[in-house]
PDB file of N, CA and C in Angstrom:
ATOM      1  N   MET A   1       0.822  -1.148   0.000  1.00  0.00           N
ATOM      2  CA  MET A   1       0.000   0.000   0.000  1.00  0.00           C
ATOM      3  C   MET A   1       0.886   1.238   0.000  1.00  0.00           C
ATOM      4  N   THR A   2       0.629   2.125  -0.947  1.00  0.00           N
ATOM      5  CA  THR A   2       1.394   3.369  -1.033  1.00  0.00           C
ATOM      6  C   THR A   2       0.575   4.492  -0.437  1.00  0.00           C
ATOM      7  N   ASP A   3       1.304   5.418   0.078  1.00  0.00           N
ATOM      8  CA  ASP A   3       0.606   6.565   0.642  1.00  0.00           C
ATOM      9  C   ASP A   3       0.282   7.564  -0.464  1.00  0.00           C
ATOM     10  N   ALA A   4      -0.985   7.697  -0.783  1.00  0.00           N
ATOM     11  CA  ALA A   4      -1.419   8.661  -1.799  1.00  0.00           C
ATOM     12  C   ALA A   4      -1.587  10.014  -1.136  1.00  0.00           C
ATOM     13  N   PRO A   5      -1.283  11.094  -1.875  1.00  0.00           N
ATOM     14  CA  PRO A   5      -1.472  12.419  -1.273  1.00  0.00           C
ATOM     15  C   PRO A   5      -2.951  12.659  -1.003  1.00  0.00           C
ATOM     16  N   PRO A   6      -3.235  13.373   0.049  1.00  0.00           N
ATOM     17  CA  PRO A   6      -4.647  13.632   0.371  1.00  0.00           C
ATOM     18  C   PRO A   6      -5.288  14.470  -0.731  1.00  0.00           C
ATOM     19  N   PRO A   7      -6.545  14.233  -0.962  1.00  0.00           N
ATOM     20  CA  PRO A   7      -7.222  15.025  -2.001  1.00  0.00           C
ATOM     21  C   PRO A   7      -7.245  16.504  -1.590  1.00  0.00           C
ATOM     22  N   THR A   8      -7.084  17.351  -2.572  1.00  0.00           N
ATOM     23  CA  THR A   8      -7.097  18.785  -2.290  1.00  0.00           C
ATOM     24  C   THR A   8      -8.389  19.392  -2.819  1.00  0.00           C
ATOM     25  N   ALA A   9      -8.841  20.373  -2.116  1.00  0.00           N
ATOM     26  CA  ALA A   9     -10.055  21.079  -2.548  1.00  0.00           C
ATOM     27  C   ALA A   9      -9.664  22.099  -3.617  1.00  0.00           C
ATOM     28  N   PRO A  10     -10.528  22.313  -4.574  1.00  0.00           N
ATOM     29  CA  PRO A  10     -10.205  23.304  -5.593  1.00  0.00           C
ATOM     30  C   PRO A  10     -10.083  24.700  -4.954  1.00  0.00           C
ATOM     31  N   LEU A  11      -9.193  25.493  -5.513  1.00  0.00           N
ATOM     32  CA  LEU A  11      -8.989  26.842  -4.988  1.00  0.00           C
ATOM     33  C   LEU A  11     -10.115  27.750  -5.466  1.00  0.00           C
ATOM     34  N   VAL A  12     -10.965  28.068  -4.549  1.00  0.00           N
ATOM     35  CA  VAL A  12     -12.092  28.944  -4.848  1.00  0.00           C
ATOM     36  C   VAL A  12     -12.028  30.090  -3.855  1.00  0.00           C
ATOM     37  N   SER A  13     -12.017  31.287  -4.376  1.00  0.00           N
ATOM     38  CA  SER A  13     -11.985  32.424  -3.457  1.00  0.00           C
ATOM     39  C   SER A  13     -13.382  32.643  -2.896  1.00  0.00           C
ATOM     40  N   PRO A  14     -13.429  33.101  -1.666  1.00  0.00           N
ATOM     41  CA  PRO A  14     -14.741  33.353  -1.077  1.00  0.00           C
ATOM     42  C   PRO A  14     -15.418  34.509  -1.827  1.00  0.00           C
ATOM     43  N   PRO A  15     -16.731  34.542  -1.823  1.00  0.00           N
ATOM     44  CA  PRO A  15     -17.420  35.615  -2.533  1.00  0.00           C
ATOM     45  C   PRO A  15     -17.011  36.978  -1.959  1.00  0.00           C
ATOM     46  N   ALA A  16     -16.719  37.876  -2.865  1.00  0.00           N
ATOM     47  CA  ALA A  16     -16.301  39.210  -2.439  1.00  0.00           C
ATOM     48  C   ALA A  16     -17.482  39.960  -1.845  1.00  0.00           C
ATOM     49  N   SER A  17     -17.184  40.719  -0.826  1.00  0.00           N
ATOM     50  CA  SER A  17     -18.225  41.546  -0.225  1.00  0.00           C
ATOM     51  C   SER A  17     -18.451  42.736  -1.150  1.00  0.00           C
ATOM     52  N   THR A  18     -19.584  42.766  -1.805  1.00  0.00           N
ATOM     53  CA  THR A  18     -19.835  43.843  -2.754  1.00  0.00           C
ATOM     54  C   THR A  18     -20.677  44.925  -2.101  1.00  0.00           C
ATOM     55  N   ASP A  19     -20.409  46.130  -2.522  1.00  0.00           N
ATOM     56  CA  ASP A  19     -21.153  47.285  -2.029  1.00  0.00           C
ATOM     57  C   ASP A  19     -22.027  47.772  -3.179  1.00  0.00           C
ATOM     58  N   PRO A  20     -23.336  47.593  -3.081  1.00  0.00           N
ATOM     59  CA  PRO A  20     -24.205  47.973  -4.193  1.00  0.00           C
ATOM     60  C   PRO A  20     -24.226  49.474  -4.459  1.00  0.00           C
ATOM     61  N   GLY A  21     -23.792  50.281  -3.505  1.00  0.00           N
ATOM     62  CA  GLY A  21     -23.850  51.727  -3.694  1.00  0.00           C
ATOM     63  C   GLY A  21     -22.528  52.350  -4.108  1.00  0.00           C
ATOM     64  N   LYS A  22     -21.461  51.549  -4.250  1.00  0.00           N
ATOM     65  CA  LYS A  22     -20.148  52.115  -4.534  1.00  0.00           C
ATOM     66  C   LYS A  22     -20.116  52.839  -5.877  1.00  0.00           C
ATOM     67  N   THR A  23     -20.591  52.192  -6.927  1.00  0.00           N
ATOM     68  CA  THR A  23     -20.583  52.823  -8.253  1.00  0.00           C
ATOM     69  C   THR A  23     -21.467  54.061  -8.267  1.00  0.00           C
ATOM     70  N   MET A  24     -22.627  53.968  -7.641  1.00  0.00           N
ATOM     71  CA  MET A  24     -23.513  55.133  -7.587  1.00  0.00           C
ATOM     72  C   MET A  24     -22.879  56.268  -6.792  1.00  0.00           C
ATOM     73  N   GLY A  25     -22.093  55.936  -5.789  1.00  0.00           N
ATOM     74  CA  GLY A  25     -21.398  56.960  -5.014  1.00  0.00           C
ATOM     75  C   GLY A  25     -20.394  57.717  -5.860  1.00  0.00           C
ATOM     76  N   ILE A  26     -19.665  56.990  -6.697  1.00  0.00           N
ATOM     77  CA  ILE A  26     -18.711  57.626  -7.607  1.00  0.00           C
ATOM     78  C   ILE A  26     -19.453  58.503  -8.612  1.00  0.00           C
ATOM     79  N   VAL A  27     -20.557  57.991  -9.137  1.00  0.00           N
ATOM     80  CA  VAL A  27     -21.367  58.769 -10.077  1.00  0.00           C
ATOM     81  C   VAL A  27     -21.900  60.035  -9.391  1.00  0.00           C
ATOM     82  N   ALA A  28     -22.321  59.919  -8.153  1.00  0.00           N
ATOM     83  CA  ALA A  28     -22.834  61.080  -7.410  1.00  0.00           C
ATOM     84  C   ALA A  28     -21.765  62.147  -7.269  1.00  0.00           C
ATOM     85  N   LEU A  29     -20.554  61.739  -6.951  1.00  0.00           N
ATOM     86  CA  LEU A  29     -19.468  62.700  -6.797  1.00  0.00           C
ATOM     87  C   LEU A  29     -19.159  63.392  -8.122  1.00  0.00           C
ATOM     88  N   VAL A  30     -19.106  62.627  -9.192  1.00  0.00           N
ATOM     89  CA  VAL A  30     -18.828  63.210 -10.505  1.00  0.00           C
ATOM     90  C   VAL A  30     -19.940  64.175 -10.908  1.00  0.00           C
ATOM     91  N   LEU A  31     -21.181  63.772 -10.734  1.00  0.00           N
ATOM     92  CA  LEU A  31     -22.304  64.658 -11.078  1.00  0.00           C
ATOM     93  C   LEU A  31     -22.273  65.944 -10.266  1.00  0.00           C
ATOM     94  N   SER A  32     -21.927  65.832  -8.997  1.00  0.00           N
ATOM     95  CA  SER A  32     -21.866  67.015  -8.141  1.00  0.00           C
ATOM     96  C   SER A  32     -20.786  67.980  -8.609  1.00  0.00           C
ATOM     97  N   ILE A  33     -19.672  67.441  -9.079  1.00  0.00           N
ATOM     98  CA  ILE A  33     -18.555  68.279  -9.508  1.00  0.00           C
ATOM     99  C   ILE A  33     -18.836  68.941 -10.853  1.00  0.00           C
ATOM    100  N   ILE A  34     -19.458  68.217 -11.792  1.00  0.00           N
ATOM    101  CA  ILE A  34     -19.617  68.768 -13.141  1.00  0.00           C
ATOM    102  C   ILE A  34     -20.783  69.730 -13.283  1.00  0.00           C
ATOM    103  N   GLY A  35     -21.526  69.962 -12.230  1.00  0.00           N
ATOM    104  CA  GLY A  35     -22.555  70.987 -12.299  1.00  0.00           C
ATOM    105  C   GLY A  35     -23.983  70.507 -12.114  1.00  0.00           C
ATOM    106  N   LEU A  36     -24.181  69.222 -12.020  1.00  0.00           N
ATOM    107  CA  LEU A  36     -25.523  68.697 -11.759  1.00  0.00           C
ATOM    108  C   LEU A  36     -25.640  68.445 -10.259  1.00  0.00           C
ATOM    109  N   HIS A  37     -25.577  69.534  -9.500  1.00  0.00           N
ATOM    110  CA  HIS A  37     -25.444  69.449  -8.056  1.00  0.00           C
ATOM    111  C   HIS A  37     -26.595  68.708  -7.384  1.00  0.00           C
ATOM    112  N   LEU A  38     -27.816  69.091  -7.695  1.00  0.00           N
ATOM    113  CA  LEU A  38     -28.954  68.441  -7.028  1.00  0.00           C
ATOM    114  C   LEU A  38     -29.078  66.979  -7.430  1.00  0.00           C
ATOM    115  N   VAL A  39     -28.803  66.670  -8.682  1.00  0.00           N
ATOM    116  CA  VAL A  39     -28.844  65.265  -9.123  1.00  0.00           C
ATOM    117  C   VAL A  39     -27.775  64.480  -8.372  1.00  0.00           C
ATOM    118  N   GLY A  40     -26.589  65.067  -8.215  1.00  0.00           N
ATOM    119  CA  GLY A  40     -25.520  64.410  -7.464  1.00  0.00           C
ATOM    120  C   GLY A  40     -25.905  64.153  -6.019  1.00  0.00           C
ATOM    121  N   VAL A  41     -26.587  65.112  -5.410  1.00  0.00           N
ATOM    122  CA  VAL A  41     -27.035  64.934  -4.019  1.00  0.00           C
ATOM    123  C   VAL A  41     -28.028  63.779  -3.921  1.00  0.00           C
ATOM    124  N   VAL A  42     -28.990  63.748  -4.828  1.00  0.00           N
ATOM    125  CA  VAL A  42     -30.019  62.688  -4.789  1.00  0.00           C
ATOM    126  C   VAL A  42     -29.385  61.324  -5.030  1.00  0.00           C
ATOM    127  N   VAL A  43     -28.522  61.219  -6.044  1.00  0.00           N
ATOM    128  CA  VAL A  43     -27.868  59.935  -6.331  1.00  0.00           C
ATOM    129  C   VAL A  43     -26.986  59.527  -5.149  1.00  0.00           C
ATOM    130  N   GLY A  44     -26.321  60.493  -4.534  1.00  0.00           N
ATOM    131  CA  GLY A  44     -25.489  60.195  -3.368  1.00  0.00           C
ATOM    132  C   GLY A  44     -26.296  59.677  -2.193  1.00  0.00           C
ATOM    133  N   LEU A  45     -27.461  60.270  -1.971  1.00  0.00           N
ATOM    134  CA  LEU A  45     -28.317  59.791  -0.878  1.00  0.00           C
ATOM    135  C   LEU A  45     -28.821  58.375  -1.137  1.00  0.00           C
ATOM    136  N   VAL A  46     -29.153  58.075  -2.389  1.00  0.00           N
ATOM    137  CA  VAL A  46     -29.577  56.705  -2.738  1.00  0.00           C
ATOM    138  C   VAL A  46     -28.423  55.732  -2.526  1.00  0.00           C
ATOM    139  N   ALA A  47     -27.224  56.138  -2.959  1.00  0.00           N
ATOM    140  CA  ALA A  47     -26.051  55.273  -2.799  1.00  0.00           C
ATOM    141  C   ALA A  47     -25.739  55.048  -1.320  1.00  0.00           C
ATOM    142  N   LEU A  48     -25.845  56.089  -0.513  1.00  0.00           N
ATOM    143  CA  LEU A  48     -25.630  55.923   0.931  1.00  0.00           C
ATOM    144  C   LEU A  48     -26.624  54.932   1.525  1.00  0.00           C
ATOM    145  N   SER A  49     -27.871  55.037   1.099  1.00  0.00           N
ATOM    146  CA  SER A  49     -28.909  54.141   1.596  1.00  0.00           C
ATOM    147  C   SER A  49     -28.616  52.692   1.215  1.00  0.00           C
ATOM    148  N   GLN A  50     -28.215  52.491  -0.042  1.00  0.00           N
ATOM    149  CA  GLN A  50     -27.913  51.127  -0.497  1.00  0.00           C
ATOM    150  C   GLN A  50     -26.728  50.543   0.259  1.00  0.00           C
ATOM    151  N   SER A  51     -25.710  51.357   0.485  1.00  0.00           N
ATOM    152  CA  SER A  51     -24.530  50.866   1.200  1.00  0.00           C
ATOM    153  C   SER A  51     -24.863  50.562   2.664  1.00  0.00           C
ATOM    154  N   LYS A  52     -25.683  51.406   3.246  1.00  0.00           N
ATOM    155  CA  LYS A  52     -26.042  51.217   4.655  1.00  0.00           C
ATOM    156  C   LYS A  52     -26.836  49.918   4.856  1.00  0.00           C
ATOM    157  N   LYS A  53     -27.665  49.555   3.853  1.00  0.00           N
ATOM    158  CA  LYS A  53     -28.465  48.330   3.964  1.00  0.00           C
ATOM    159  C   LYS A  53     -27.596  47.093   4.115  1.00  0.00           C
ATOM    160  N   VAL A  54     -26.409  47.096   3.489  1.00  0.00           N
ATOM    161  CA  VAL A  54     -25.522  45.932   3.591  1.00  0.00           C
ATOM    162  C   VAL A  54     -24.431  46.142   4.636  1.00  0.00           C
ATOM    163  N   GLY A  55     -24.514  47.242   5.379  1.00  0.00           N
ATOM    164  CA  GLY A  55     -23.591  47.472   6.472  1.00  0.00           C
ATOM    165  C   GLY A  55     -22.273  48.105   6.075  1.00  0.00           C
ATOM    166  N   ASN A  56     -22.213  48.734   4.930  1.00  0.00           N
ATOM    167  CA  ASN A  56     -20.988  49.380   4.471  1.00  0.00           C
ATOM    168  C   ASN A  56     -21.099  50.888   4.597  1.00  0.00           C
ATOM    169  N   THR A  57     -19.938  51.521   4.643  1.00  0.00           N
ATOM    170  CA  THR A  57     -19.901  52.975   4.539  1.00  0.00           C
ATOM    171  C   THR A  57     -19.520  53.310   3.104  1.00  0.00           C
ATOM    172  N   ASN A  58     -19.891  54.491   2.661  1.00  0.00           N
ATOM    173  CA  ASN A  58     -19.629  54.858   1.269  1.00  0.00           C
ATOM    174  C   ASN A  58     -19.108  56.287   1.237  1.00  0.00           C
ATOM    175  N   GLY A  59     -17.801  56.410   1.227  1.00  0.00           N
ATOM    176  CA  GLY A  59     -17.162  57.716   1.238  1.00  0.00           C
ATOM    177  C   GLY A  59     -17.450  58.524  -0.013  1.00  0.00           C
ATOM    178  N   PHE A  60     -17.491  57.856  -1.163  1.00  0.00           N
ATOM    179  CA  PHE A  60     -17.774  58.571  -2.406  1.00  0.00           C
ATOM    180  C   PHE A  60     -19.178  59.183  -2.384  1.00  0.00           C
ATOM    181  N   ALA A  61     -20.135  58.412  -1.909  1.00  0.00           N
ATOM    182  CA  ALA A  61     -21.511  58.913  -1.853  1.00  0.00           C
ATOM    183  C   ALA A  61     -21.619  60.079  -0.878  1.00  0.00           C
ATOM    184  N   LEU A  62     -20.978  59.955   0.277  1.00  0.00           N
ATOM    185  CA  LEU A  62     -20.998  61.042   1.255  1.00  0.00           C
ATOM    186  C   LEU A  62     -20.335  62.296   0.681  1.00  0.00           C
ATOM    187  N   ALA A  63     -19.218  62.110   0.000  1.00  0.00           N
ATOM    188  CA  ALA A  63     -18.540  63.244  -0.634  1.00  0.00           C
ATOM    189  C   ALA A  63     -19.425  63.864  -1.710  1.00  0.00           C
ATOM    190  N   GLY A  64     -20.121  63.027  -2.476  1.00  0.00           N
ATOM    191  CA  GLY A  64     -21.027  63.538  -3.505  1.00  0.00           C
ATOM    192  C   GLY A  64     -22.145  64.371  -2.919  1.00  0.00           C
ATOM    193  N   VAL A  65     -22.687  63.928  -1.800  1.00  0.00           N
ATOM    194  CA  VAL A  65     -23.766  64.678  -1.149  1.00  0.00           C
ATOM    195  C   VAL A  65     -23.237  66.014  -0.623  1.00  0.00           C
ATOM    196  N   ILE A  66     -22.098  65.982   0.040  1.00  0.00           N
ATOM    197  CA  ILE A  66     -21.543  67.211   0.617  1.00  0.00           C
ATOM    198  C   ILE A  66     -21.130  68.190  -0.466  1.00  0.00           C
ATOM    199  N   VAL A  67     -20.371  67.714  -1.460  1.00  0.00           N
ATOM    200  CA  VAL A  67     -19.907  68.596  -2.539  1.00  0.00           C
ATOM    201  C   VAL A  67     -21.096  69.155  -3.308  1.00  0.00           C
ATOM    202  N   GLY A  68     -22.070  68.305  -3.612  1.00  0.00           N
ATOM    203  CA  GLY A  68     -23.246  68.771  -4.346  1.00  0.00           C
ATOM    204  C   GLY A  68     -24.020  69.830  -3.587  1.00  0.00           C
ATOM    205  N   ALA A  69     -24.199  69.628  -2.296  1.00  0.00           N
ATOM    206  CA  ALA A  69     -24.951  70.602  -1.494  1.00  0.00           C
ATOM    207  C   ALA A  69     -24.202  71.928  -1.390  1.00  0.00           C
ATOM    208  N   VAL A  70     -22.895  71.859  -1.137  1.00  0.00           N
ATOM    209  CA  VAL A  70     -22.105  73.089  -1.009  1.00  0.00           C
ATOM    210  C   VAL A  70     -22.073  73.851  -2.333  1.00  0.00           C
ATOM    211  N   LEU A  71     -21.814  73.152  -3.429  1.00  0.00           N
ATOM    212  CA  LEU A  71     -21.763  73.833  -4.723  1.00  0.00           C
ATOM    213  C   LEU A  71     -23.131  74.365  -5.145  1.00  0.00           C
ATOM    214  N   PHE A  72     -24.201  73.692  -4.741  1.00  0.00           N
ATOM    215  CA  PHE A  72     -25.539  74.195  -5.046  1.00  0.00           C
ATOM    216  C   PHE A  72     -25.790  75.517  -4.318  1.00  0.00           C
ATOM    217  N   VAL A  73     -25.419  75.579  -3.058  1.00  0.00           N
ATOM    218  CA  VAL A  73     -25.599  76.818  -2.291  1.00  0.00           C
ATOM    219  C   VAL A  73     -24.740  77.934  -2.893  1.00  0.00           C
ATOM    220  N   ILE A  74     -23.497  77.618  -3.243  1.00  0.00           N
ATOM    221  CA  ILE A  74     -22.627  78.627  -3.863  1.00  0.00           C
ATOM    222  C   ILE A  74     -23.219  79.115  -5.178  1.00  0.00           C
ATOM    223  N   SER A  75     -23.756  78.198  -5.980  1.00  0.00           N
ATOM    224  CA  SER A  75     -24.343  78.614  -7.264  1.00  0.00           C
ATOM    225  C   SER A  75     -25.571  79.497  -7.048  1.00  0.00           C
ATOM    226  N   LEU A  76     -26.361  79.217  -6.007  1.00  0.00           N
ATOM    227  CA  LEU A  76     -27.506  80.086  -5.711  1.00  0.00           C
ATOM    228  C   LEU A  76     -27.045  81.494  -5.333  1.00  0.00           C
ATOM    229  N   VAL A  77     -25.977  81.579  -4.549  1.00  0.00           N
ATOM    230  CA  VAL A  77     -25.448  82.883  -4.156  1.00  0.00           C
ATOM    231  C   VAL A  77     -24.938  83.637  -5.383  1.00  0.00           C
ATOM    232  N   VAL A  78     -24.202  82.949  -6.251  1.00  0.00           N
ATOM    233  CA  VAL A  78     -23.665  83.594  -7.457  1.00  0.00           C
ATOM    234  C   VAL A  78     -24.800  84.069  -8.357  1.00  0.00           C
ATOM    235  N   ILE A  79     -25.807  83.239  -8.547  1.00  0.00           N
ATOM    236  CA  ILE A  79     -26.948  83.639  -9.380  1.00  0.00           C
ATOM    237  C   ILE A  79     -27.659  84.839  -8.768  1.00  0.00           C
ATOM    238  N   GLY A  80     -27.828  84.839  -7.464  1.00  0.00           N
ATOM    239  CA  GLY A  80     -28.451  85.974  -6.790  1.00  0.00           C
ATOM    240  C   GLY A  80     -27.652  87.251  -6.976  1.00  0.00           C
ATOM    241  N   LEU A  81     -26.328  87.142  -6.862  1.00  0.00           N
ATOM    242  CA  LEU A  81     -25.482  88.318  -7.076  1.00  0.00           C
ATOM    243  C   LEU A  81     -25.551  88.803  -8.518  1.00  0.00           C
ATOM    244  N   MET A  82     -25.614  87.878  -9.457  1.00  0.00           N
ATOM    245  CA  MET A  82     -25.717  88.262 -10.866  1.00  0.00           C
ATOM    246  C   MET A  82     -27.040  88.973 -11.138  1.00  0.00           C
ATOM    247  N   ILE A  83     -28.110  88.478 -10.571  1.00  0.00           N
ATOM    248  CA  ILE A  83     -29.419  89.120 -10.754  1.00  0.00           C
ATOM    249  C   ILE A  83     -29.418  90.506 -10.127  1.00  0.00           C
ATOM    250  N   ALA A  84     -28.851  90.611  -8.924  1.00  0.00           N
ATOM    251  CA  ALA A  84     -28.791  91.914  -8.257  1.00  0.00           C
ATOM    252  C   ALA A  84     -27.926  92.887  -9.058  1.00  0.00           C
ATOM    253  N   GLY A  85     -26.804  92.396  -9.575  1.00  0.00           N
ATOM    254  CA  GLY A  85     -25.935  93.249 -10.382  1.00  0.00           C
ATOM    255  C   GLY A  85     -26.612  93.690 -11.661  1.00  0.00           C
ATOM    256  N   GLY A  86     -27.329  92.772 -12.294  1.00  0.00           N
ATOM    257  CA  GLY A  86     -28.061  93.111 -13.517  1.00  0.00           C
ATOM    258  C   GLY A  86     -29.159  94.118 -13.242  1.00  0.00           C
ATOM    259  N   ALA A  87     -29.842  93.969 -12.131  1.00  0.00           N
ATOM    260  CA  ALA A  87     -30.903  94.915 -11.779  1.00  0.00           C
ATOM    261  C   ALA A  87     -30.322  96.289 -11.502  1.00  0.00           C
ATOM    262  N   ALA A  88     -29.173  96.326 -10.829  1.00  0.00           N
ATOM    263  CA  ALA A  88     -28.535  97.618 -10.545  1.00  0.00           C
ATOM    264  C   ALA A  88     -28.076  98.283 -11.838  1.00  0.00           C
ATOM    265  N   PHE A  89     -27.520  97.481 -12.750  1.00  0.00           N
ATOM    266  CA  PHE A  89     -27.077  98.028 -14.033  1.00  0.00           C
ATOM    267  C   PHE A  89     -28.268  98.559 -14.828  1.00  0.00           C
ATOM    268  N   TRP A  90     -29.346  97.787 -14.853  1.00  0.00           N
ATOM    269  CA  TRP A  90     -30.542  98.223 -15.587  1.00  0.00           C
ATOM    270  C   TRP A  90     -31.108  99.507 -14.990  1.00  0.00           C
ATOM    271  N   SER A  91     -31.090  99.601 -13.680  1.00  0.00           N
ATOM    272  CA  SER A  91     -31.560 100.807 -13.015  1.00  0.00           C
ATOM    273  C   SER A  91     -30.681 101.998 -13.387  1.00  0.00           C
ATOM    274  N   PHE A  92     -29.383 101.786 -13.459  1.00  0.00           N
ATOM    275  CA  PHE A  92     -28.450 102.844 -13.841  1.00  0.00           C
ATOM    276  C   PHE A  92     -28.728 103.324 -15.265  1.00  0.00           C
ATOM    277  N   ILE A  93     -28.955 102.378 -16.181  1.00  0.00           N
ATOM    278  CA  ILE A  93     -29.210 102.741 -17.585  1.00  0.00           C
ATOM    279  C   ILE A  93     -30.526 103.505 -17.711  1.00  0.00           C
ATOM    280  N   THR A  94     -31.574 103.010 -17.076  1.00  0.00           N
ATOM    281  CA  THR A  94     -32.871 103.685 -17.208  1.00  0.00           C
ATOM    282  C   THR A  94     -32.833 105.076 -16.573  1.00  0.00           C
ATOM    283  N   GLU A  95     -32.079 105.214 -15.484  1.00  0.00           N
ATOM    284  CA  GLU A  95     -31.957 106.530 -14.863  1.00  0.00           C
ATOM    285  C   GLU A  95     -31.197 107.489 -15.771  1.00  0.00           C
ATOM    286  N   ALA A  96     -30.149 106.988 -16.426  1.00  0.00           N
ATOM    287  CA  ALA A  96     -29.384 107.833 -17.352  1.00  0.00           C
ATOM    288  C   ALA A  96     -30.266 108.264 -18.516  1.00  0.00           C
ATOM    289  N   CYS A  97     -31.092 107.374 -19.043  1.00  0.00           N
ATOM    290  CA  CYS A  97     -31.975 107.713 -20.162  1.00  0.00           C
ATOM    291  C   CYS A  97     -33.043 108.709 -19.719  1.00  0.00           C
ATOM    292  N   ARG A  98     -33.485 108.620 -18.488  1.00  0.00           N
ATOM    293  CA  ARG A  98     -34.454 109.593 -17.985  1.00  0.00           C
ATOM    294  C   ARG A  98     -33.839 110.996 -17.977  1.00  0.00           C
ATOM    295  N   ASP A  99     -32.572 111.046 -17.577  1.00  0.00           N
ATOM    296  CA  ASP A  99     -31.901 112.344 -17.521  1.00  0.00           C
ATOM    297  C   ASP A  99     -31.568 112.878 -18.918  1.00  0.00           C
ATOM    298  N   LEU A 100     -31.169 111.972 -19.846  1.00  0.00           N
ATOM    299  CA  LEU A 100     -30.708 112.403 -21.166  1.00  0.00           C
ATOM    300  C   LEU A 100     -31.845 112.620 -22.153  1.00  0.00           C
ATOM    301  N   GLY A 101     -32.910 111.847 -22.032  1.00  0.00           N
ATOM    302  CA  GLY A 101     -34.014 111.933 -22.988  1.00  0.00           C
ATOM    303  C   GLY A 101     -33.783 110.977 -24.154  1.00  0.00           C
ATOM    304  N   PRO A 102     -34.739 110.941 -25.095  1.00  0.00           N
ATOM    305  CA  PRO A 102     -34.625 110.000 -26.212  1.00  0.00           C
ATOM    306  C   PRO A 102     -33.469 110.371 -27.137  1.00  0.00           C
ATOM    307  N   GLY A 103     -32.896 109.329 -27.772  1.00  0.00           N
ATOM    308  CA  GLY A 103     -31.807 109.536 -28.723  1.00  0.00           C
ATOM    309  C   GLY A 103     -30.595 108.712 -28.343  1.00  0.00           C
ATOM    310  N   VAL A 104     -29.507 108.930 -29.088  1.00  0.00           N
ATOM    311  CA  VAL A 104     -28.250 108.241 -28.824  1.00  0.00           C
ATOM    312  C   VAL A 104     -27.298 109.265 -28.225  1.00  0.00           C
ATOM    313  N   TRP A 105     -26.747 108.946 -27.077  1.00  0.00           N
ATOM    314  CA  TRP A 105     -25.899 109.871 -26.341  1.00  0.00           C
ATOM    315  C   TRP A 105     -24.577 109.194 -25.993  1.00  0.00           C
ATOM    316  N   GLU A 106     -23.519 109.985 -25.963  1.00  0.00           N
ATOM    317  CA  GLU A 106     -22.226 109.468 -25.502  1.00  0.00           C
ATOM    318  C   GLU A 106     -21.791 110.346 -24.330  1.00  0.00           C
ATOM    319  N   VAL A 107     -21.649 109.708 -23.190  1.00  0.00           N
ATOM    320  CA  VAL A 107     -21.252 110.409 -21.972  1.00  0.00           C
ATOM    321  C   VAL A 107     -20.057 109.681 -21.368  1.00  0.00           C
ATOM    322  N   ASP A 108     -18.949 110.358 -21.224  1.00  0.00           N
ATOM    323  CA  ASP A 108     -17.734 109.795 -20.644  1.00  0.00           C
ATOM    324  C   ASP A 108     -17.306 108.495 -21.347  1.00  0.00           C
ATOM    325  N   GLY A 109     -17.450 108.452 -22.655  1.00  0.00           N
ATOM    326  CA  GLY A 109     -17.036 107.287 -23.442  1.00  0.00           C
ATOM    327  C   GLY A 109     -18.046 106.155 -23.452  1.00  0.00           C
ATOM    328  N   ILE A 110     -19.189 106.339 -22.846  1.00  0.00           N
ATOM    329  CA  ILE A 110     -20.244 105.314 -22.818  1.00  0.00           C
ATOM    330  C   ILE A 110     -21.391 105.798 -23.712  1.00  0.00           C
ATOM    331  N   THR A 111     -21.796 104.933 -24.634  1.00  0.00           N
ATOM    332  CA  THR A 111     -22.883 105.263 -25.544  1.00  0.00           C
ATOM    333  C   THR A 111     -24.194 104.758 -24.983  1.00  0.00           C
ATOM    334  N   TYR A 112     -25.156 105.665 -24.868  1.00  0.00           N
ATOM    335  CA  TYR A 112     -26.487 105.317 -24.396  1.00  0.00           C
ATOM    336  C   TYR A 112     -27.455 105.468 -25.575  1.00  0.00           C
ATOM    337  N   SER A 113     -28.251 104.443 -25.795  1.00  0.00           N
ATOM    338  CA  SER A 113     -29.286 104.491 -26.819  1.00  0.00           C
ATOM    339  C   SER A 113     -30.634 104.466 -26.099  1.00  0.00           C
ATOM    340  N   CYS A 114     -31.209 105.636 -25.989  1.00  0.00           N
ATOM    341  CA  CYS A 114     -32.445 105.759 -25.207  1.00  0.00           C
ATOM    342  C   CYS A 114     -33.664 105.838 -26.132  1.00  0.00           C
ATOM    343  N   PRO A 115     -34.694 105.077 -25.828  1.00  0.00           N
ATOM    344  CA  PRO A 115     -35.891 105.118 -26.683  1.00  0.00           C
ATOM    345  C   PRO A 115     -36.689 106.395 -26.502  1.00  0.00           C
TER     346      PRO A 115
END
């Protein structure tokens, strides 16, 4: 009787722990950065929820939510300032036309075309 080597089990790696929200978290961060801030926030919140269900944390999704929210607030402030600046400029032009009257006028190198 010869000693045969013991049978070996095939090398199978254990199933990887997958995070269903990881890809969505990356997408959320990218969307937040490229200008789709609110969409990035929503996708990030969904990704956080999916990751939490399986007990994982999702840094990309959290970053997407934070970056999207901060950039959204900044964009609202910038838009508000632009509207205020445009309103002030329009007020300046209409006031100048009130003073000058109808016609085309050049004052200090600025041409005003007043109806």
